[in-house]
């Protein structure tokens, strides 16, 4: 078997890295305006940890004997079975 090389091969040592792009990005980052960050952080800190109306709705659903519907449970179990067996199990 005879293997012939085609094209030219440049040694790795001759390849130059482009560092100007990184320097440009670093300069752009330094110029960013983060003055609104404190206001956003304050707004997030003032949000309630839970929404009472949603907690009440969840409690109501948990007290229902037929929630979630049997059809939903069956569909979820079918999906889980397919995922556990893999795509060739169909």
PDB file of N, CA and C in Angstrom:
ATOM      1  N   UNK A   1       0.848  -1.163   0.000  1.00  0.00           N
ATOM      2  CA  UNK A   1       0.000   0.000   0.000  1.00  0.00           C
ATOM      3  C   UNK A   1       0.898   1.231   0.000  1.00  0.00           C
ATOM      4  N   UNK A   2       0.665   2.118  -0.932  1.00  0.00           N
ATOM      5  CA  UNK A   2       1.481   3.319  -1.069  1.00  0.00           C
ATOM      6  C   UNK A   2       0.632   4.529  -0.709  1.00  0.00           C
ATOM      7  N   UNK A   3       1.050   5.288   0.317  1.00  0.00           N
ATOM      8  CA  UNK A   3       0.313   6.473   0.755  1.00  0.00           C
ATOM      9  C   UNK A   3       1.087   7.691   0.320  1.00  0.00           C
ATOM     10  N   UNK A   4       0.422   8.570  -0.417  1.00  0.00           N
ATOM     11  CA  UNK A   4       1.068   9.794  -0.873  1.00  0.00           C
ATOM     12  C   UNK A   4       0.394  10.982  -0.195  1.00  0.00           C
ATOM     13  N   UNK A   5       1.227  11.886   0.248  1.00  0.00           N
ATOM     14  CA  UNK A   5       0.725  13.064   0.930  1.00  0.00           C
ATOM     15  C   UNK A   5       0.356  14.129  -0.082  1.00  0.00           C
ATOM     16  N   UNK A   6      -0.810  14.755   0.110  1.00  0.00           N
ATOM     17  CA  UNK A   6      -1.210  15.841  -0.772  1.00  0.00           C
ATOM     18  C   UNK A   6      -1.289  17.124   0.026  1.00  0.00           C
ATOM     19  N   UNK A   7      -0.972  18.234  -0.592  1.00  0.00           N
ATOM     20  CA  UNK A   7      -1.034  19.521   0.083  1.00  0.00           C
ATOM     21  C   UNK A   7       0.182  19.753   0.957  1.00  0.00           C
ATOM     22  N   UNK A   8       0.151  20.867   1.643  1.00  0.00           N
ATOM     23  CA  UNK A   8       1.265  21.204   2.525  1.00  0.00           C
ATOM     24  C   UNK A   8       0.828  21.101   3.968  1.00  0.00           C
ATOM     25  N   UNK A   9       1.776  20.897   4.810  1.00  0.00           N
ATOM     26  CA  UNK A   9       1.503  20.756   6.232  1.00  0.00           C
ATOM     27  C   UNK A   9       2.299  21.806   6.980  1.00  0.00           C
ATOM     28  N   UNK A  10       1.591  22.647   7.723  1.00  0.00           N
ATOM     29  CA  UNK A  10       2.255  23.683   8.501  1.00  0.00           C
ATOM     30  C   UNK A  10       2.454  23.171   9.918  1.00  0.00           C
ATOM     31  N   UNK A  11       3.652  23.251  10.434  1.00  0.00           N
ATOM     32  CA  UNK A  11       3.867  22.842  11.829  1.00  0.00           C
ATOM     33  C   UNK A  11       3.059  23.735  12.777  1.00  0.00           C
ATOM     34  N   UNK A  12       2.693  23.192  13.900  1.00  0.00           N
ATOM     35  CA  UNK A  12       1.887  23.911  14.874  1.00  0.00           C
ATOM     36  C   UNK A  12       2.610  25.154  15.377  1.00  0.00           C
ATOM     37  N   UNK A  13       3.903  25.111  15.437  1.00  0.00           N
ATOM     38  CA  UNK A  13       4.649  26.242  15.986  1.00  0.00           C
ATOM     39  C   UNK A  13       4.508  27.501  15.142  1.00  0.00           C
ATOM     40  N   UNK A  14       4.134  27.383  13.876  1.00  0.00           N
ATOM     41  CA  UNK A  14       4.007  28.551  13.012  1.00  0.00           C
ATOM     42  C   UNK A  14       2.622  29.205  13.101  1.00  0.00           C
ATOM     43  N   UNK A  15       1.685  28.552  13.744  1.00  0.00           N
ATOM     44  CA  UNK A  15       0.329  29.095  13.852  1.00  0.00           C
ATOM     45  C   UNK A  15       0.328  30.177  14.916  1.00  0.00           C
ATOM     46  N   UNK A  16      -0.223  31.328  14.562  1.00  0.00           N
ATOM     47  CA  UNK A  16      -0.276  32.435  15.505  1.00  0.00           C
ATOM     48  C   UNK A  16      -1.691  32.544  16.061  1.00  0.00           C
ATOM     49  N   UNK A  17      -1.777  32.799  17.336  1.00  0.00           N
ATOM     50  CA  UNK A  17      -3.079  32.949  17.974  1.00  0.00           C
ATOM     51  C   UNK A  17      -3.541  34.387  17.864  1.00  0.00           C
ATOM     52  N   UNK A  18      -4.837  34.552  17.695  1.00  0.00           N
ATOM     53  CA  UNK A  18      -5.427  35.878  17.592  1.00  0.00           C
ATOM     54  C   UNK A  18      -5.899  36.304  18.974  1.00  0.00           C
ATOM     55  N   UNK A  19      -5.139  37.175  19.627  1.00  0.00           N
ATOM     56  CA  UNK A  19      -5.511  37.611  20.972  1.00  0.00           C
ATOM     57  C   UNK A  19      -6.187  38.978  20.967  1.00  0.00           C
ATOM     58  N   UNK A  20      -6.238  39.630  19.828  1.00  0.00           N
ATOM     59  CA  UNK A  20      -6.847  40.962  19.782  1.00  0.00           C
ATOM     60  C   UNK A  20      -8.333  40.897  20.078  1.00  0.00           C
ATOM     61  N   UNK A  21      -9.012  39.835  19.686  1.00  0.00           N
ATOM     62  CA  UNK A  21     -10.444  39.710  19.932  1.00  0.00           C
ATOM     63  C   UNK A  21     -10.724  39.661  21.431  1.00  0.00           C
ATOM     64  N   UNK A  22      -9.928  38.930  22.165  1.00  0.00           N
ATOM     65  CA  UNK A  22     -10.124  38.850  23.607  1.00  0.00           C
ATOM     66  C   UNK A  22      -9.890  40.205  24.255  1.00  0.00           C
ATOM     67  N   UNK A  23      -8.901  40.922  23.805  1.00  0.00           N
ATOM     68  CA  UNK A  23      -8.624  42.235  24.368  1.00  0.00           C
ATOM     69  C   UNK A  23      -9.784  43.185  24.114  1.00  0.00           C
ATOM     70  N   UNK A  24     -10.384  43.115  22.937  1.00  0.00           N
ATOM     71  CA  UNK A  24     -11.529  43.959  22.596  1.00  0.00           C
ATOM     72  C   UNK A  24     -12.716  43.625  23.487  1.00  0.00           C
ATOM     73  N   UNK A  25     -12.966  42.353  23.701  1.00  0.00           N
ATOM     74  CA  UNK A  25     -14.084  41.949  24.550  1.00  0.00           C
ATOM     75  C   UNK A  25     -13.860  42.394  25.986  1.00  0.00           C
ATOM     76  N   UNK A  26     -12.637  42.287  26.466  1.00  0.00           N
ATOM     77  CA  UNK A  26     -12.349  42.704  27.834  1.00  0.00           C
ATOM     78  C   UNK A  26     -12.578  44.201  27.997  1.00  0.00           C
ATOM     79  N   UNK A  27     -12.185  44.983  27.004  1.00  0.00           N
ATOM     80  CA  UNK A  27     -12.390  46.426  27.069  1.00  0.00           C
ATOM     81  C   UNK A  27     -13.882  46.759  27.053  1.00  0.00           C
ATOM     82  N   UNK A  28     -14.652  46.033  26.251  1.00  0.00           N
ATOM     83  CA  UNK A  28     -16.088  46.282  26.174  1.00  0.00           C
ATOM     84  C   UNK A  28     -16.767  45.950  27.494  1.00  0.00           C
ATOM     85  N   UNK A  29     -16.309  44.925  28.172  1.00  0.00           N
ATOM     86  CA  UNK A  29     -16.886  44.537  29.450  1.00  0.00           C
ATOM     87  C   UNK A  29     -16.637  45.610  30.501  1.00  0.00           C
ATOM     88  N   UNK A  30     -15.483  46.207  30.470  1.00  0.00           N
ATOM     89  CA  UNK A  30     -15.151  47.237  31.442  1.00  0.00           C
ATOM     90  C   UNK A  30     -16.025  48.474  31.275  1.00  0.00           C
ATOM     91  N   UNK A  31     -16.581  48.692  30.098  1.00  0.00           N
ATOM     92  CA  UNK A  31     -17.381  49.879  29.822  1.00  0.00           C
ATOM     93  C   UNK A  31     -18.868  49.677  30.084  1.00  0.00           C
ATOM     94  N   UNK A  32     -19.291  48.515  30.534  1.00  0.00           N
ATOM     95  CA  UNK A  32     -20.701  48.228  30.758  1.00  0.00           C
ATOM     96  C   UNK A  32     -21.239  49.067  31.910  1.00  0.00           C
ATOM     97  N   UNK A  33     -22.513  49.443  31.790  1.00  0.00           N
ATOM     98  CA  UNK A  33     -23.170  50.242  32.818  1.00  0.00           C
ATOM     99  C   UNK A  33     -24.076  49.329  33.641  1.00  0.00           C
ATOM    100  N   UNK A  34     -23.734  49.130  34.888  1.00  0.00           N
ATOM    101  CA  UNK A  34     -24.512  48.272  35.767  1.00  0.00           C
ATOM    102  C   UNK A  34     -25.213  49.082  36.851  1.00  0.00           C
ATOM    103  N   UNK A  35     -25.562  50.311  36.544  1.00  0.00           N
ATOM    104  CA  UNK A  35     -26.173  51.181  37.548  1.00  0.00           C
ATOM    105  C   UNK A  35     -27.565  50.701  37.965  1.00  0.00           C
ATOM    106  N   UNK A  36     -28.266  49.982  37.105  1.00  0.00           N
ATOM    107  CA  UNK A  36     -29.610  49.519  37.446  1.00  0.00           C
ATOM    108  C   UNK A  36     -29.608  48.196  38.189  1.00  0.00           C
ATOM    109  N   UNK A  37     -28.449  47.602  38.356  1.00  0.00           N
ATOM    110  CA  UNK A  37     -28.362  46.308  39.023  1.00  0.00           C
ATOM    111  C   UNK A  37     -28.891  46.375  40.444  1.00  0.00           C
ATOM    112  N   UNK A  38     -28.534  47.425  41.176  1.00  0.00           N
ATOM    113  CA  UNK A  38     -28.990  47.549  42.564  1.00  0.00           C
ATOM    114  C   UNK A  38     -30.504  47.694  42.643  1.00  0.00           C
ATOM    115  N   UNK A  39     -31.084  48.432  41.707  1.00  0.00           N
ATOM    116  CA  UNK A  39     -32.539  48.598  41.699  1.00  0.00           C
ATOM    117  C   UNK A  39     -33.230  47.263  41.419  1.00  0.00           C
ATOM    118  N   UNK A  40     -32.696  46.502  40.486  1.00  0.00           N
ATOM    119  CA  UNK A  40     -33.284  45.195  40.177  1.00  0.00           C
ATOM    120  C   UNK A  40     -33.146  44.240  41.356  1.00  0.00           C
ATOM    121  N   UNK A  41     -31.978  44.269  41.983  1.00  0.00           N
ATOM    122  CA  UNK A  41     -31.767  43.393  43.139  1.00  0.00           C
ATOM    123  C   UNK A  41     -32.737  43.757  44.268  1.00  0.00           C
ATOM    124  N   UNK A  42     -32.966  45.041  44.481  1.00  0.00           N
ATOM    125  CA  UNK A  42     -33.906  45.478  45.498  1.00  0.00           C
ATOM    126  C   UNK A  42     -35.324  45.033  45.185  1.00  0.00           C
ATOM    127  N   UNK A  43     -35.717  45.127  43.920  1.00  0.00           N
ATOM    128  CA  UNK A  43     -37.054  44.684  43.514  1.00  0.00           C
ATOM    129  C   UNK A  43     -37.217  43.184  43.725  1.00  0.00           C
ATOM    130  N   UNK A  44     -36.179  42.416  43.407  1.00  0.00           N
ATOM    131  CA  UNK A  44     -36.255  40.972  43.624  1.00  0.00           C
ATOM    132  C   UNK A  44     -36.320  40.627  45.104  1.00  0.00           C
ATOM    133  N   UNK A  45     -35.592  41.371  45.913  1.00  0.00           N
ATOM    134  CA  UNK A  45     -35.617  41.116  47.356  1.00  0.00           C
ATOM    135  C   UNK A  45     -36.980  41.405  47.960  1.00  0.00           C
ATOM    136  N   UNK A  46     -37.757  42.293  47.354  1.00  0.00           N
ATOM    137  CA  UNK A  46     -39.073  42.660  47.877  1.00  0.00           C
ATOM    138  C   UNK A  46     -40.197  41.754  47.397  1.00  0.00           C
ATOM    139  N   UNK A  47     -39.893  40.821  46.499  1.00  0.00           N
ATOM    140  CA  UNK A  47     -40.919  39.887  46.037  1.00  0.00           C
ATOM    141  C   UNK A  47     -41.238  38.886  47.144  1.00  0.00           C
ATOM    142  N   UNK A  48     -42.496  38.506  47.268  1.00  0.00           N
ATOM    143  CA  UNK A  48     -42.823  37.493  48.284  1.00  0.00           C
ATOM    144  C   UNK A  48     -42.232  36.135  47.894  1.00  0.00           C
ATOM    145  N   UNK A  49     -41.896  35.337  48.893  1.00  0.00           N
ATOM    146  CA  UNK A  49     -41.297  34.030  48.615  1.00  0.00           C
ATOM    147  C   UNK A  49     -42.311  33.053  48.033  1.00  0.00           C
ATOM    148  N   UNK A  50     -43.599  33.292  48.269  1.00  0.00           N
ATOM    149  CA  UNK A  50     -44.632  32.451  47.670  1.00  0.00           C
ATOM    150  C   UNK A  50     -45.849  33.315  47.375  1.00  0.00           C
ATOM    151  N   UNK A  51     -46.688  32.808  46.493  1.00  0.00           N
ATOM    152  CA  UNK A  51     -47.920  33.524  46.172  1.00  0.00           C
ATOM    153  C   UNK A  51     -49.070  32.822  46.893  1.00  0.00           C
ATOM    154  N   UNK A  52     -49.685  33.497  47.834  1.00  0.00           N
ATOM    155  CA  UNK A  52     -50.722  32.846  48.661  1.00  0.00           C
ATOM    156  C   UNK A  52     -51.853  32.228  47.841  1.00  0.00           C
ATOM    157  N   UNK A  53     -52.258  32.887  46.754  1.00  0.00           N
ATOM    158  CA  UNK A  53     -53.365  32.330  45.960  1.00  0.00           C
ATOM    159  C   UNK A  53     -52.967  31.018  45.299  1.00  0.00           C
ATOM    160  N   UNK A  54     -51.707  30.885  44.915  1.00  0.00           N
ATOM    161  CA  UNK A  54     -51.232  29.640  44.306  1.00  0.00           C
ATOM    162  C   UNK A  54     -51.089  28.533  45.351  1.00  0.00           C
ATOM    163  N   UNK A  55     -50.662  28.906  46.541  1.00  0.00           N
ATOM    164  CA  UNK A  55     -50.547  27.932  47.619  1.00  0.00           C
ATOM    165  C   UNK A  55     -51.934  27.391  47.971  1.00  0.00           C
ATOM    166  N   UNK A  56     -52.920  28.273  48.031  1.00  0.00           N
ATOM    167  CA  UNK A  56     -54.288  27.852  48.321  1.00  0.00           C
ATOM    168  C   UNK A  56     -54.807  26.919  47.232  1.00  0.00           C
ATOM    169  N   UNK A  57     -54.548  27.252  45.977  1.00  0.00           N
ATOM    170  CA  UNK A  57     -54.993  26.392  44.850  1.00  0.00           C
ATOM    171  C   UNK A  57     -54.330  25.020  44.925  1.00  0.00           C
ATOM    172  N   UNK A  58     -53.057  24.977  45.266  1.00  0.00           N
ATOM    173  CA  UNK A  58     -52.349  23.700  45.388  1.00  0.00           C
ATOM    174  C   UNK A  58     -52.936  22.850  46.508  1.00  0.00           C
ATOM    175  N   UNK A  59     -53.296  23.496  47.621  1.00  0.00           N
ATOM    176  CA  UNK A  59     -53.913  22.757  48.731  1.00  0.00           C
ATOM    177  C   UNK A  59     -55.265  22.177  48.320  1.00  0.00           C
ATOM    178  N   UNK A  60     -56.037  22.963  47.566  1.00  0.00           N
ATOM    179  CA  UNK A  60     -57.339  22.478  47.098  1.00  0.00           C
ATOM    180  C   UNK A  60     -57.169  21.275  46.180  1.00  0.00           C
ATOM    181  N   UNK A  61     -56.210  21.351  45.271  1.00  0.00           N
ATOM    182  CA  UNK A  61     -55.974  20.235  44.354  1.00  0.00           C
ATOM    183  C   UNK A  61     -55.471  18.999  45.098  1.00  0.00           C
ATOM    184  N   UNK A  62     -54.630  19.185  46.087  1.00  0.00           N
ATOM    185  CA  UNK A  62     -54.104  18.059  46.853  1.00  0.00           C
ATOM    186  C   UNK A  62     -55.207  17.348  47.633  1.00  0.00           C
ATOM    187  N   UNK A  63     -56.243  18.092  48.024  1.00  0.00           N
ATOM    188  CA  UNK A  63     -57.353  17.495  48.764  1.00  0.00           C
ATOM    189  C   UNK A  63     -58.341  16.759  47.872  1.00  0.00           C
ATOM    190  N   UNK A  64     -58.261  16.952  46.562  1.00  0.00           N
ATOM    191  CA  UNK A  64     -59.167  16.264  45.643  1.00  0.00           C
ATOM    192  C   UNK A  64     -58.680  14.826  45.428  1.00  0.00           C
ATOM    193  N   UNK A  65     -59.588  13.887  45.588  1.00  0.00           N
ATOM    194  CA  UNK A  65     -59.243  12.474  45.437  1.00  0.00           C
ATOM    195  C   UNK A  65     -58.915  12.142  43.977  1.00  0.00           C
ATOM    196  N   UNK A  66     -59.599  12.754  43.058  1.00  0.00           N
ATOM    197  CA  UNK A  66     -59.425  12.415  41.645  1.00  0.00           C
ATOM    198  C   UNK A  66     -58.478  13.361  40.912  1.00  0.00           C
ATOM    199  N   UNK A  67     -57.568  13.986  41.638  1.00  0.00           N
ATOM    200  CA  UNK A  67     -56.586  14.850  40.976  1.00  0.00           C
ATOM    201  C   UNK A  67     -55.212  14.248  41.157  1.00  0.00           C
ATOM    202  N   UNK A  68     -54.410  14.123  40.170  1.00  0.00           N
ATOM    203  CA  UNK A  68     -54.690  14.369  38.761  1.00  0.00           C
ATOM    204  C   UNK A  68     -55.577  13.263  38.194  1.00  0.00           C
ATOM    205  N   UNK A  69     -56.227  13.549  37.081  1.00  0.00           N
ATOM    206  CA  UNK A  69     -57.120  12.557  36.478  1.00  0.00           C
ATOM    207  C   UNK A  69     -56.371  11.273  36.114  1.00  0.00           C
ATOM    208  N   UNK A  70     -57.083  10.170  36.132  1.00  0.00           N
ATOM    209  CA  UNK A  70     -56.487   8.865  35.811  1.00  0.00           C
ATOM    210  C   UNK A  70     -55.871   8.867  34.406  1.00  0.00           C
ATOM    211  N   UNK A  71     -56.497   9.576  33.468  1.00  0.00           N
ATOM    212  CA  UNK A  71     -55.970   9.646  32.106  1.00  0.00           C
ATOM    213  C   UNK A  71     -54.575  10.284  32.095  1.00  0.00           C
ATOM    214  N   UNK A  72     -54.393  11.332  32.871  1.00  0.00           N
ATOM    215  CA  UNK A  72     -53.098  12.010  32.940  1.00  0.00           C
ATOM    216  C   UNK A  72     -52.042  11.082  33.527  1.00  0.00           C
ATOM    217  N   UNK A  73     -52.385  10.374  34.582  1.00  0.00           N
ATOM    218  CA  UNK A  73     -51.446   9.438  35.204  1.00  0.00           C
ATOM    219  C   UNK A  73     -51.063   8.338  34.224  1.00  0.00           C
ATOM    220  N   UNK A  74     -52.033   7.828  33.479  1.00  0.00           N
ATOM    221  CA  UNK A  74     -51.776   6.775  32.488  1.00  0.00           C
ATOM    222  C   UNK A  74     -50.847   7.282  31.392  1.00  0.00           C
ATOM    223  N   UNK A  75     -51.086   8.497  30.905  1.00  0.00           N
ATOM    224  CA  UNK A  75     -50.230   9.060  29.864  1.00  0.00           C
ATOM    225  C   UNK A  75     -48.801   9.264  30.369  1.00  0.00           C
ATOM    226  N   UNK A  76     -48.677   9.750  31.581  1.00  0.00           N
ATOM    227  CA  UNK A  76     -47.336   9.936  32.156  1.00  0.00           C
ATOM    228  C   UNK A  76     -46.614   8.608  32.336  1.00  0.00           C
ATOM    229  N   UNK A  77     -47.330   7.592  32.781  1.00  0.00           N
ATOM    230  CA  UNK A  77     -46.688   6.293  32.968  1.00  0.00           C
ATOM    231  C   UNK A  77     -46.253   5.702  31.628  1.00  0.00           C
ATOM    232  N   UNK A  78     -47.048   5.915  30.581  1.00  0.00           N
ATOM    233  CA  UNK A  78     -46.649   5.456  29.242  1.00  0.00           C
ATOM    234  C   UNK A  78     -45.383   6.162  28.776  1.00  0.00           C
ATOM    235  N   UNK A  79     -45.318   7.477  28.984  1.00  0.00           N
ATOM    236  CA  UNK A  79     -44.123   8.228  28.589  1.00  0.00           C
ATOM    237  C   UNK A  79     -42.893   7.771  29.362  1.00  0.00           C
ATOM    238  N   UNK A  80     -43.061   7.554  30.656  1.00  0.00           N
ATOM    239  CA  UNK A  80     -41.940   7.084  31.472  1.00  0.00           C
ATOM    240  C   UNK A  80     -41.465   5.705  31.025  1.00  0.00           C
ATOM    241  N   UNK A  81     -42.395   4.843  30.696  1.00  0.00           N
ATOM    242  CA  UNK A  81     -42.019   3.492  30.249  1.00  0.00           C
ATOM    243  C   UNK A  81     -41.231   3.555  28.951  1.00  0.00           C
ATOM    244  N   UNK A  82     -41.645   4.432  28.037  1.00  0.00           N
ATOM    245  CA  UNK A  82     -40.928   4.571  26.775  1.00  0.00           C
ATOM    246  C   UNK A  82     -39.528   5.119  27.034  1.00  0.00           C
ATOM    247  N   UNK A  83     -39.397   6.105  27.895  1.00  0.00           N
ATOM    248  CA  UNK A  83     -38.096   6.680  28.204  1.00  0.00           C
ATOM    249  C   UNK A  83     -37.176   5.662  28.869  1.00  0.00           C
ATOM    250  N   UNK A  84     -37.738   4.847  29.731  1.00  0.00           N
ATOM    251  CA  UNK A  84     -36.911   3.862  30.439  1.00  0.00           C
ATOM    252  C   UNK A  84     -36.438   2.741  29.513  1.00  0.00           C
ATOM    253  N   UNK A  85     -37.237   2.386  28.516  1.00  0.00           N
ATOM    254  CA  UNK A  85     -36.888   1.298  27.616  1.00  0.00           C
ATOM    255  C   UNK A  85     -36.071   1.787  26.422  1.00  0.00           C
ATOM    256  N   UNK A  86     -36.085   3.069  26.145  1.00  0.00           N
ATOM    257  CA  UNK A  86     -35.321   3.605  25.027  1.00  0.00           C
ATOM    258  C   UNK A  86     -36.177   3.726  23.787  1.00  0.00           C
ATOM    259  N   UNK A  87     -35.635   4.342  22.748  1.00  0.00           N
ATOM    260  CA  UNK A  87     -36.412   4.608  21.537  1.00  0.00           C
ATOM    261  C   UNK A  87     -36.732   3.362  20.720  1.00  0.00           C
ATOM    262  N   UNK A  88     -35.999   2.268  20.891  1.00  0.00           N
ATOM    263  CA  UNK A  88     -36.256   1.062  20.117  1.00  0.00           C
ATOM    264  C   UNK A  88     -37.399   0.234  20.681  1.00  0.00           C
ATOM    265  N   UNK A  89     -37.899   0.592  21.849  1.00  0.00           N
ATOM    266  CA  UNK A  89     -38.961  -0.167  22.495  1.00  0.00           C
ATOM    267  C   UNK A  89     -40.331   0.093  21.894  1.00  0.00           C
ATOM    268  N   UNK A  90     -40.441   1.124  21.065  1.00  0.00           N
ATOM    269  CA  UNK A  90     -41.750   1.440  20.471  1.00  0.00           C
ATOM    270  C   UNK A  90     -42.147   0.334  19.578  1.00  0.00           C
TER     271      UNK A  90
END
